[in-house]
Amino acid sequence: MRTGHLETAVPTGVDPHQYTRDLARAHEAVLSGRRPPVQPRPLIRQSWGRVRSQGVDPDRGGDCRPASSEEVEQRRATCGLTGDALLALRTGLVPAAESTGHIVVIVDVDGRVLWREGHPSVFRRADRLGFVEGASWAENAVGTNAIGTALVEDRPVQVHSAEHFVRTHHAWTCAAAPIHDAADGRLLGAVNISGPAGTVHPSTLALVHAVAGLAEARLREAHRTRLDRLRAIAAPLLAKIDGQAMVTDRHGWVAASTGMPPTDRVVLPERPGAERVWLPAFGTCSCEPLPEGVLLRPEGQRSVAGTRLVLDVGSARPTLTVHRETGSWTYPLSGRHADILLHLAGNRAGTSAADLAEHLFADRTRTVTVRAEMSRLRKRFADLLDHRPYRFHTNLEVSVTKGP
């Protein structure tokens, strides 16, 4: 999170009521093309310029339908804001919001509202505004606002009354802070407090910023725990390897290494399913997937020859067990992924996307879905699967267990 001075919406020592009236006059002047009597903050001027260029309607915002409940659940599961981090956001802000007439909103990186808690009366006002779970609060959807602008600026933002670009939002004041992943620094989303404009207070931004920082600390702790768990896997694995090797998590943080210079992190490619990766200090390395990480070995030191796979589709939960020279790992599979791998096991020469679509859906046109599923499988089993055509690599031994 970018730190430094937190710029509150209402300057210190200024009458908030007079300032709110000045903001309203500035807003109307800017929209009518006149010189405003009072200049908005640079942050707000820049945001207004962005949303005007994006065609946001100042009277009603943009046309963006709320996501379905199913999509909201999917976004919740994949946004990265879970566990202790989510608990920190809720326990740090919801009690204060309920007691002061505000609501707490947590959004993903796209600005979609995933969670909303707080004062019931403010809920009703938010409902009328469309400020509901699944709604997009990105700048290009609803104009300048604390959530969308914090995501664009990647810093804590407070937006008050007529600083909002859309007129129907002028009765609100809000403060938001972005939240980042501890493992790779990527933006995960933001947390926000909103309420009636008359409740504006400079400490609100500091509170939101502090709680967002606490959530990021919880994410760092969770990342350290995962890395420690990976170290427990890496130690016996590396002991079996004669030569250079390194185990990292999927973000390149090093859990353990042997025969290689010590380093905290290496830069892995954006495509996590790559079979080979070039590392500046080590040259071309092979990538072998592990639970929660990868085994990296300089080119020429490893081959998948001798790797044995056991696909178990007879149990209640299908699994794929990979037996390598360095150890054996069992991966749980979804029903669809098990079905795909079973089909590939029975067609070692390979199959096309259309053939797989016919097998899975009795519809040869659903190749887009097939390619997406194969992409997910190749991310997990990069060195086991080929894609032109789709098949297990020919030098693998593959057996299937279907149960009694």
Protein backbone atom coordinates (compact mmCIF):
# COMPACT_ATOMS: atom_id res chain seq x y z
CA MET A 1 0.00 0.00 0.00
CA ARG A 2 1.29 3.46 -0.82
CA THR A 3 1.84 5.33 2.41
CA GLY A 4 2.53 8.91 3.38
CA HIS A 5 0.22 11.81 4.11
CA LEU A 6 -3.46 10.85 4.16
CA GLU A 7 -5.37 13.57 2.31
CA THR A 8 -8.77 13.93 3.96
CA ALA A 9 -11.70 15.31 1.97
CA VAL A 10 -12.39 18.32 4.22
CA PRO A 11 -9.29 20.42 5.01
CA THR A 12 -8.43 20.91 8.67
CA GLY A 13 -9.98 24.04 10.19
CA VAL A 14 -12.56 24.47 7.40
CA ASP A 15 -16.29 24.59 8.10
CA PRO A 16 -17.53 21.29 6.58
CA HIS A 17 -20.97 22.72 5.73
CA GLN A 18 -19.53 25.70 3.84
CA TYR A 19 -16.98 23.44 2.16
CA THR A 20 -19.74 21.07 1.03
CA ARG A 21 -21.63 24.01 -0.54
CA ASP A 22 -18.44 25.15 -2.29
CA LEU A 23 -17.92 21.65 -3.67
CA ALA A 24 -21.45 21.62 -5.10
CA ARG A 25 -20.82 24.92 -6.93
CA ALA A 26 -17.48 23.64 -8.22
CA HIS A 27 -19.11 20.44 -9.48
CA GLU A 28 -21.82 22.29 -11.41
CA ALA A 29 -19.31 24.75 -12.86
CA VAL A 30 -16.99 22.02 -14.13
CA LEU A 31 -19.85 20.06 -15.72
CA SER A 32 -21.15 23.19 -17.46
CA GLY A 33 -17.70 24.13 -18.74
CA ARG A 34 -17.26 27.19 -16.49
CA ARG A 35 -14.35 28.03 -14.25
CA PRO A 36 -15.20 26.74 -10.76
CA PRO A 37 -15.25 29.31 -7.94
CA VAL A 38 -13.27 26.86 -5.79
CA GLN A 39 -10.93 24.34 -7.35
CA PRO A 40 -11.48 20.71 -6.27
CA ARG A 41 -8.48 18.80 -4.97
CA PRO A 42 -6.06 17.63 -7.72
CA LEU A 43 -7.02 14.03 -6.92
CA ILE A 44 -10.67 14.82 -7.63
CA ARG A 45 -9.97 16.94 -10.73
CA GLN A 46 -7.96 14.10 -12.24
CA SER A 47 -10.68 11.57 -11.44
CA TRP A 48 -13.42 13.79 -12.92
CA GLY A 49 -11.32 14.05 -16.08
CA ARG A 50 -11.01 10.27 -16.32
CA VAL A 51 -14.69 9.52 -15.83
CA ARG A 52 -15.82 12.27 -18.23
CA SER A 53 -13.56 10.79 -20.92
CA GLN A 54 -15.13 7.39 -20.20
CA GLY A 55 -18.62 8.76 -20.83
CA VAL A 56 -20.02 8.32 -17.31
CA ASP A 57 -23.40 10.09 -17.00
CA PRO A 58 -23.26 12.61 -14.10
CA ASP A 59 -26.97 12.11 -13.44
CA ARG A 60 -27.22 8.33 -13.29
CA GLY A 61 -23.75 6.81 -13.63
CA GLY A 62 -22.97 4.04 -16.06
CA ASP A 63 -24.83 0.99 -17.27
CA CYS A 64 -23.42 -1.89 -15.22
CA ARG A 65 -25.70 -4.63 -13.92
CA PRO A 66 -24.92 -6.22 -10.56
CA ALA A 67 -23.27 -9.61 -10.76
CA SER A 68 -25.43 -12.63 -10.00
CA SER A 69 -25.27 -14.28 -6.59
CA GLU A 70 -23.39 -17.18 -8.18
CA GLU A 71 -20.77 -14.82 -9.62
CA VAL A 72 -20.45 -13.01 -6.29
CA GLU A 73 -19.75 -16.34 -4.57
CA GLN A 74 -17.17 -17.21 -7.21
CA ARG A 75 -15.48 -13.83 -6.79
CA ARG A 76 -15.45 -14.23 -3.02
CA ALA A 77 -13.72 -17.59 -3.37
CA THR A 78 -11.02 -16.30 -5.74
CA CYS A 79 -10.39 -12.68 -4.68
CA GLY A 80 -7.75 -13.58 -2.09
CA LEU A 81 -9.53 -11.73 0.75
CA THR A 82 -10.34 -14.67 2.99
CA GLY A 83 -9.53 -16.15 6.39
CA ASP A 84 -7.85 -13.95 8.98
CA ALA A 85 -7.53 -11.03 6.54
CA LEU A 86 -11.29 -10.88 6.01
CA LEU A 87 -11.86 -11.28 9.75
CA ALA A 88 -9.52 -8.33 10.42
CA LEU A 89 -11.50 -6.13 8.05
CA ARG A 90 -14.80 -7.04 9.62
CA THR A 91 -13.84 -6.88 13.28
CA GLY A 92 -11.84 -3.70 12.75
CA LEU A 93 -14.58 -1.72 11.04
CA VAL A 94 -18.07 -3.20 11.35
CA PRO A 95 -18.65 -2.39 15.07
CA ALA A 96 -17.62 1.23 14.50
CA ALA A 97 -19.78 1.48 11.39
CA GLU A 98 -22.84 0.10 13.15
CA SER A 99 -22.47 2.55 16.05
CA THR A 100 -21.93 5.64 13.88
CA GLY A 101 -24.46 5.08 11.10
CA HIS A 102 -22.15 3.79 8.37
CA ILE A 103 -21.73 0.66 6.28
CA VAL A 104 -18.56 -1.29 5.53
CA VAL A 105 -18.08 -2.51 1.97
CA ILE A 106 -15.37 -4.86 0.69
CA VAL A 107 -14.74 -5.05 -3.05
CA ASP A 108 -12.50 -7.10 -5.32
CA VAL A 109 -9.92 -5.72 -7.72
CA ASP A 110 -12.66 -4.99 -10.29
CA GLY A 111 -14.60 -2.90 -7.79
CA ARG A 112 -17.38 -5.46 -7.41
CA VAL A 113 -19.08 -5.34 -4.01
CA LEU A 114 -18.53 -8.72 -2.33
CA TRP A 115 -19.47 -8.03 1.29
CA ARG A 116 -21.58 -5.30 2.88
CA GLU A 117 -22.22 -4.89 6.62
CA GLY A 118 -23.18 -2.12 9.02
CA HIS A 119 -26.11 0.07 10.02
CA PRO A 120 -29.55 -1.12 8.74
CA SER A 121 -30.87 2.37 7.95
CA VAL A 122 -27.84 3.08 5.75
CA PHE A 123 -28.42 -0.27 4.03
CA ARG A 124 -31.82 0.98 2.89
CA ARG A 125 -30.33 4.18 1.48
CA ALA A 126 -27.60 2.20 -0.22
CA ASP A 127 -30.17 -0.15 -1.76
CA ARG A 128 -31.93 2.80 -3.40
CA LEU A 129 -28.59 3.90 -4.83
CA GLY A 130 -27.78 0.44 -6.19
CA PHE A 131 -24.91 0.13 -3.71
CA VAL A 132 -25.56 -3.59 -3.24
CA GLU A 133 -23.61 -6.85 -3.31
CA GLY A 134 -22.53 -7.61 -6.88
CA ALA A 135 -22.64 -3.96 -8.01
CA SER A 136 -19.58 -2.45 -9.66
CA TRP A 137 -18.20 0.59 -7.85
CA ALA A 138 -15.36 1.11 -10.32
CA GLU A 139 -14.83 4.64 -11.63
CA ASN A 140 -15.95 3.74 -15.14
CA ALA A 141 -19.24 2.43 -13.73
CA VAL A 142 -20.27 5.03 -11.14
CA GLY A 143 -17.77 7.86 -11.54
CA THR A 144 -15.51 9.35 -8.88
CA ASN A 145 -15.95 7.60 -5.53
CA ALA A 146 -13.65 6.43 -2.76
CA ILE A 147 -13.68 2.77 -3.83
CA GLY A 148 -13.11 3.19 -7.55
CA THR A 149 -10.65 6.05 -7.15
CA ALA A 150 -8.66 4.19 -4.48
CA LEU A 151 -8.33 1.26 -6.87
CA VAL A 152 -7.15 3.53 -9.70
CA GLU A 153 -4.77 5.57 -7.55
CA ASP A 154 -3.69 2.57 -5.43
CA ARG A 155 -3.79 4.61 -2.24
CA PRO A 156 -6.26 5.49 0.53
CA VAL A 157 -8.89 7.95 -0.66
CA GLN A 158 -11.70 9.90 1.01
CA VAL A 159 -14.45 11.35 -1.21
CA HIS A 160 -17.05 13.68 0.23
CA SER A 161 -20.42 14.87 -1.08
CA ALA A 162 -20.10 16.73 -4.42
CA GLU A 163 -16.61 15.35 -4.97
CA HIS A 164 -18.55 12.33 -6.25
CA PHE A 165 -19.00 12.75 -10.00
CA VAL A 166 -22.55 11.38 -10.08
CA ARG A 167 -25.09 13.75 -8.50
CA THR A 168 -27.08 11.02 -6.75
CA HIS A 169 -23.98 10.23 -4.67
CA HIS A 170 -23.64 13.77 -3.27
CA ALA A 171 -25.54 12.81 -0.11
CA TRP A 172 -22.72 10.40 0.78
CA THR A 173 -19.25 10.51 2.25
CA CYS A 174 -16.87 7.57 1.95
CA ALA A 175 -13.30 6.50 2.65
CA ALA A 176 -11.52 3.52 1.11
CA ALA A 177 -8.10 1.89 1.18
CA PRO A 178 -6.64 -0.71 -1.21
CA ILE A 179 -5.45 -4.14 -0.07
CA HIS A 180 -2.54 -6.04 -1.64
CA ASP A 181 -1.44 -9.67 -1.76
CA ALA A 182 1.56 -10.32 0.48
CA ALA A 183 3.05 -12.88 -1.91
CA ASP A 184 3.33 -10.80 -5.08
CA GLY A 185 2.10 -7.32 -4.22
CA ARG A 186 -0.84 -7.45 -6.61
CA LEU A 187 -3.94 -5.44 -5.84
CA LEU A 188 -6.70 -7.65 -4.41
CA GLY A 189 -9.43 -5.09 -3.77
CA ALA A 190 -10.37 -2.41 -1.26
CA VAL A 191 -12.26 -1.84 1.97
CA ASN A 192 -14.59 1.16 2.37
CA ILE A 193 -16.73 2.94 4.94
CA SER A 194 -19.70 4.94 3.63
CA GLY A 195 -22.42 6.99 5.27
CA PRO A 196 -24.48 10.18 5.07
CA ALA A 197 -22.47 13.24 4.04
CA GLY A 198 -23.18 14.91 7.40
CA THR A 199 -21.13 12.24 9.18
CA VAL A 200 -17.84 13.12 7.43
CA HIS A 201 -14.85 12.95 9.78
CA PRO A 202 -11.11 13.12 9.03
CA SER A 203 -10.33 10.15 11.30
CA THR A 204 -12.42 7.82 9.11
CA LEU A 205 -9.73 7.67 6.43
CA ALA A 206 -7.03 6.92 9.01
CA LEU A 207 -9.17 4.12 10.48
CA VAL A 208 -9.80 2.50 7.10
CA HIS A 209 -6.12 2.80 6.19
CA ALA A 210 -5.05 1.20 9.50
CA VAL A 211 -7.48 -1.72 9.19
CA ALA A 212 -6.45 -2.35 5.58
CA GLY A 213 -2.85 -2.50 6.82
CA LEU A 214 -3.87 -5.00 9.49
CA ALA A 215 -5.52 -7.18 6.83
CA GLU A 216 -2.32 -7.06 4.75
CA ALA A 217 -0.36 -8.12 7.85
CA ARG A 218 -2.66 -11.13 8.21
CA LEU A 219 -2.05 -11.99 4.55
CA ARG A 220 1.72 -11.83 5.18
CA GLU A 221 1.36 -14.20 8.13
CA ALA A 222 -0.67 -16.63 6.00
CA HIS A 223 1.98 -16.47 3.28
CA ARG A 224 4.75 -17.25 5.79
CA THR A 225 2.74 -20.22 7.04
CA ARG A 226 2.34 -21.57 3.50
CA LEU A 227 6.06 -21.10 2.85
CA ASP A 228 6.93 -22.96 6.06
CA ARG A 229 4.63 -25.80 4.98
CA LEU A 230 6.38 -25.90 1.62
CA ARG A 231 9.78 -26.05 3.37
CA ALA A 232 8.65 -29.20 5.17
CA ILE A 233 7.96 -30.77 1.77
CA ALA A 234 11.12 -29.39 0.17
CA ALA A 235 13.71 -30.67 2.69
CA PRO A 236 13.30 -34.44 2.10
CA LEU A 237 12.71 -33.86 -1.61
CA LEU A 238 15.96 -31.95 -2.13
CA ALA A 239 17.89 -34.51 -0.09
CA LYS A 240 17.22 -37.04 -2.86
CA ILE A 241 18.54 -34.81 -5.64
CA ASP A 242 22.15 -35.01 -6.78
CA GLY A 243 22.81 -31.61 -8.29
CA GLN A 244 21.29 -28.17 -8.27
CA ALA A 245 17.63 -27.63 -7.41
CA MET A 246 15.34 -25.09 -5.79
CA VAL A 247 11.81 -25.23 -4.41
CA THR A 248 9.74 -22.04 -4.54
CA ASP A 249 6.11 -21.17 -4.04
CA ARG A 250 4.07 -20.17 -7.07
CA HIS A 251 5.15 -16.55 -6.64
CA GLY A 252 8.86 -17.37 -6.68
CA TRP A 253 9.57 -17.12 -2.94
CA VAL A 254 12.30 -19.66 -2.18
CA ALA A 255 11.47 -22.31 0.42
CA ALA A 256 14.72 -24.29 0.09
CA SER A 257 17.54 -24.99 -2.34
CA THR A 258 20.55 -27.24 -2.83
CA GLY A 259 23.72 -26.52 -4.78
CA MET A 260 22.49 -23.04 -5.78
CA PRO A 261 23.40 -19.56 -4.49
CA PRO A 262 21.11 -18.37 -1.70
CA THR A 263 18.33 -16.01 -2.76
CA ASP A 264 15.00 -14.95 -1.26
CA ARG A 265 12.97 -14.86 -4.46
CA VAL A 266 13.20 -15.58 -8.17
CA VAL A 267 10.99 -14.12 -10.89
CA LEU A 268 8.70 -16.77 -12.32
CA PRO A 269 6.78 -16.28 -15.58
CA GLU A 270 3.23 -14.98 -15.51
CA ARG A 271 2.16 -18.25 -17.12
CA PRO A 272 2.43 -20.63 -14.15
CA GLY A 273 1.99 -23.69 -16.36
CA ALA A 274 5.31 -23.19 -18.16
CA GLU A 275 7.43 -26.33 -18.43
CA ARG A 276 10.64 -24.28 -18.57
CA VAL A 277 11.60 -20.91 -17.20
CA TRP A 278 14.64 -18.72 -17.75
CA LEU A 279 16.06 -17.28 -14.51
CA PRO A 280 18.66 -14.50 -14.81
CA ALA A 281 21.04 -16.06 -12.29
CA PHE A 282 20.56 -19.71 -13.25
CA GLY A 283 19.67 -19.84 -16.93
CA THR A 284 16.98 -22.15 -18.30
CA CYS A 285 15.39 -24.34 -15.65
CA SER A 286 12.75 -27.04 -15.77
CA CYS A 287 9.59 -26.49 -13.73
CA GLU A 288 8.05 -29.43 -11.88
CA PRO A 289 4.73 -28.71 -10.11
CA LEU A 290 4.52 -29.47 -6.39
CA PRO A 291 1.68 -28.96 -3.92
CA GLU A 292 1.67 -25.16 -3.42
CA GLY A 293 4.91 -24.66 -5.33
CA VAL A 294 7.38 -25.73 -8.01
CA LEU A 295 10.70 -27.56 -8.17
CA LEU A 296 13.21 -25.73 -10.37
CA ARG A 297 16.24 -27.55 -11.79
CA PRO A 298 18.81 -26.25 -14.29
CA GLU A 299 18.16 -27.53 -17.79
CA GLY A 300 19.44 -31.02 -18.48
CA GLN A 301 19.31 -32.21 -14.87
CA ARG A 302 15.81 -33.63 -14.96
CA SER A 303 13.57 -35.70 -17.21
CA VAL A 304 10.01 -36.91 -16.77
CA ALA A 305 11.13 -40.31 -17.99
CA GLY A 306 10.32 -42.85 -15.29
CA THR A 307 7.50 -40.74 -13.88
CA ARG A 308 4.47 -42.91 -13.11
CA LEU A 309 0.89 -41.66 -12.82
CA VAL A 310 -2.02 -43.37 -11.09
CA LEU A 311 -5.46 -41.95 -11.85
CA ASP A 312 -7.99 -43.10 -9.25
CA VAL A 313 -11.57 -42.56 -10.42
CA GLY A 314 -13.13 -45.26 -8.25
CA SER A 315 -13.09 -43.30 -4.99
CA ALA A 316 -15.63 -40.75 -3.81
CA ARG A 317 -13.08 -38.02 -4.61
CA PRO A 318 -10.99 -38.72 -7.74
CA THR A 319 -7.23 -38.22 -7.41
CA LEU A 320 -4.10 -38.22 -9.52
CA THR A 321 -0.97 -39.56 -7.83
CA VAL A 322 2.35 -38.62 -9.44
CA HIS A 323 5.31 -40.87 -8.59
CA ARG A 324 8.63 -39.19 -9.38
CA GLU A 325 12.24 -39.90 -8.48
CA THR A 326 12.00 -37.14 -5.86
CA GLY A 327 8.78 -38.34 -4.22
CA SER A 328 5.09 -39.03 -4.70
CA TRP A 329 2.28 -36.46 -4.58
CA THR A 330 -1.46 -36.99 -4.64
CA TYR A 331 -3.71 -34.28 -6.07
CA PRO A 332 -7.52 -34.18 -5.59
CA LEU A 333 -9.46 -33.69 -8.82
CA SER A 334 -12.83 -32.27 -9.70
CA GLY A 335 -15.20 -34.64 -11.45
CA ARG A 336 -14.72 -32.89 -14.78
CA HIS A 337 -10.92 -32.89 -14.56
CA ALA A 338 -10.99 -36.58 -13.64
CA ASP A 339 -13.20 -37.25 -16.67
CA ILE A 340 -10.78 -35.37 -18.94
CA LEU A 341 -7.73 -37.21 -17.63
CA LEU A 342 -9.52 -40.56 -17.91
CA HIS A 343 -10.29 -39.78 -21.55
CA LEU A 344 -6.66 -38.84 -22.19
CA ALA A 345 -5.48 -42.04 -20.48
CA GLY A 346 -7.61 -44.02 -22.92
CA ASN A 347 -6.39 -42.01 -25.93
CA ARG A 348 -2.61 -41.84 -25.53
CA ALA A 349 -2.14 -40.71 -29.14
CA GLY A 350 -4.01 -37.51 -28.31
CA THR A 351 -7.36 -35.86 -28.83
CA SER A 352 -8.60 -32.53 -30.16
CA ALA A 353 -10.62 -29.87 -28.35
CA ALA A 354 -13.65 -30.78 -30.45
CA ASP A 355 -13.32 -34.47 -29.59
CA LEU A 356 -13.06 -33.64 -25.90
CA ALA A 357 -16.12 -31.39 -26.17
CA GLU A 358 -18.02 -34.23 -27.77
CA HIS A 359 -16.96 -36.57 -24.97
CA LEU A 360 -17.75 -34.13 -22.13
CA PHE A 361 -20.85 -32.35 -23.40
CA ALA A 362 -22.00 -34.25 -26.50
CA ASP A 363 -21.45 -30.94 -28.28
CA ARG A 364 -18.37 -30.49 -30.49
CA THR A 365 -18.79 -26.69 -30.55
CA ARG A 366 -17.96 -26.18 -26.86
CA THR A 367 -14.23 -25.97 -27.51
CA VAL A 368 -13.78 -22.70 -25.56
CA THR A 369 -14.86 -24.44 -22.35
CA VAL A 370 -12.57 -27.38 -23.10
CA ARG A 371 -9.57 -25.12 -23.70
CA ALA A 372 -10.23 -23.30 -20.42
CA GLU A 373 -10.38 -26.58 -18.50
CA MET A 374 -7.21 -27.86 -20.17
CA SER A 375 -5.46 -24.59 -19.33
CA ARG A 376 -6.34 -25.11 -15.65
CA LEU A 377 -5.06 -28.69 -15.78
CA ARG A 378 -1.81 -27.66 -17.45
CA LYS A 379 -1.21 -25.07 -14.73
CA ARG A 380 -1.24 -27.89 -12.18
CA PHE A 381 0.53 -30.54 -14.28
CA ALA A 382 2.67 -28.54 -16.68
CA ASP A 383 5.25 -31.22 -17.47
CA LEU A 384 2.76 -34.10 -17.74
CA LEU A 385 0.35 -32.84 -20.40
CA ASP A 386 0.85 -31.85 -24.01
CA HIS A 387 -1.59 -29.66 -25.93
CA ARG A 388 -1.00 -30.25 -29.66
CA PRO A 389 -2.91 -32.54 -29.48
CA TYR A 390 -4.15 -32.86 -25.89
CA ARG A 391 -2.52 -35.93 -24.35
CA PHE A 392 -0.23 -37.26 -21.64
CA HIS A 393 3.41 -37.04 -22.63
CA THR A 394 4.39 -40.27 -24.36
CA ASN A 395 7.23 -41.20 -21.96
CA LEU A 396 4.91 -41.34 -18.94
CA GLU A 397 3.52 -44.53 -17.47
CA VAL A 398 -0.20 -44.00 -16.80
CA SER A 399 -2.49 -46.42 -15.01
CA VAL A 400 -6.15 -46.10 -14.01
CA THR A 401 -7.81 -47.41 -10.86
CA LYS A 402 -11.58 -47.64 -11.10
CA GLY A 403 -12.25 -49.31 -7.78
CA PRO A 404 -14.17 -52.52 -7.14
